[in-house]
Protein backbone atom coordinates (compact mmCIF):
# COMPACT_ATOMS: atom_id res chain seq x y z
CA MET A 1 82.38 64.57 97.50
CA GLU A 2 84.54 62.54 95.17
CA GLU A 3 83.42 59.86 92.76
CA ILE A 4 85.16 56.55 93.41
CA ILE A 5 83.07 54.09 91.38
CA ARG A 6 80.91 54.41 88.26
CA THR A 7 78.95 51.32 87.25
CA ALA A 8 75.69 50.04 85.80
CA ASP A 9 75.71 47.13 88.28
CA PRO A 10 73.13 47.80 91.03
CA VAL A 11 74.32 44.78 93.02
CA LEU A 12 77.86 46.16 93.19
CA VAL A 13 76.49 49.54 94.25
CA SER A 14 74.48 47.97 97.09
CA ALA A 15 77.45 45.90 98.24
CA VAL A 16 79.89 48.83 98.22
CA GLU A 17 77.34 51.08 99.90
CA ALA A 18 76.89 48.53 102.71
CA LEU A 19 80.65 48.01 103.04
CA LEU A 20 81.43 51.71 103.31
CA GLU A 21 78.56 52.49 105.65
CA GLY A 22 79.80 49.62 107.83
CA GLU A 23 83.17 51.39 107.93
CA GLY A 24 81.47 54.61 109.04
CA ILE A 25 81.96 56.33 105.68
CA SER A 26 79.12 58.45 104.28
CA VAL A 27 78.06 57.33 100.82
CA PHE A 28 76.04 59.15 98.18
CA VAL A 29 74.81 57.23 95.14
CA ALA A 30 74.33 59.71 92.32
CA ASP A 31 71.96 59.10 89.40
CA ARG A 32 70.11 56.31 91.21
CA HIS A 33 66.71 57.70 90.24
CA VAL A 34 67.66 58.55 86.66
CA SER A 35 69.00 55.05 86.19
CA ALA A 36 65.80 53.52 87.57
CA ILE A 37 63.59 55.69 85.36
CA GLU A 38 65.58 54.79 82.26
CA ALA A 39 65.39 51.03 82.99
CA ARG A 40 69.06 50.73 83.95
CA ILE A 41 70.48 51.48 80.53
CA THR A 42 74.22 52.02 80.68
CA ALA A 43 73.92 55.58 79.38
CA PHE A 44 73.14 56.52 82.99
CA PRO A 45 75.54 54.61 85.22
CA LEU A 46 75.33 54.83 88.99
CA ARG A 47 78.09 56.80 90.70
CA ILE A 48 79.33 56.22 94.24
CA LEU A 49 80.64 59.34 95.92
CA VAL A 50 82.28 59.74 99.32
CA PRO A 51 83.53 62.80 101.24
CA GLU A 52 87.01 63.87 100.14
CA ALA A 53 88.35 63.26 103.66
CA ASP A 54 87.30 59.60 103.44
CA VAL A 55 88.47 58.76 99.91
CA ALA A 56 91.66 56.94 100.95
CA ARG A 57 89.84 54.86 103.58
CA ALA A 58 87.00 54.05 101.17
CA ARG A 59 89.40 52.99 98.43
CA ALA A 60 91.36 50.81 100.87
CA ALA A 61 88.17 49.11 102.09
CA ILE A 62 87.03 48.44 98.52
CA VAL A 63 90.42 46.99 97.56
CA ALA A 64 90.43 44.80 100.70
CA ALA A 65 86.97 43.50 99.76
CA GLY A 66 88.28 42.43 96.35
CA TRP A 67 86.56 45.09 94.27
CA GLY A 68 89.63 47.21 93.53
CA ASP A 69 89.19 46.77 89.79
CA THR A 70 85.94 48.77 89.98
CA LEU A 71 87.61 51.92 91.36
CA ARG A 72 87.88 54.99 89.18
CA GLN A 73 91.41 56.11 88.47
CA GLY A 74 92.65 58.94 90.60
CA ALA A 75 94.50 59.66 93.81
CA PRO A 76 94.44 56.66 96.13
């Protein structure tokens, strides 16, 4: 799995999760429970991870949706 987004915005996480699942891409949201326990403080951001084989497709879908500025830097 490769991290493609790290954010404290739960709305963005839900939107990206729905987008990628709609594209048939498996999504894992890391630190969801830690963030909820700690009242969403930014010390524990949510991380969206996808399988390495789907990274390019996931990044392309996120850019097409207009959320490209939220992507972590790395291989496209």
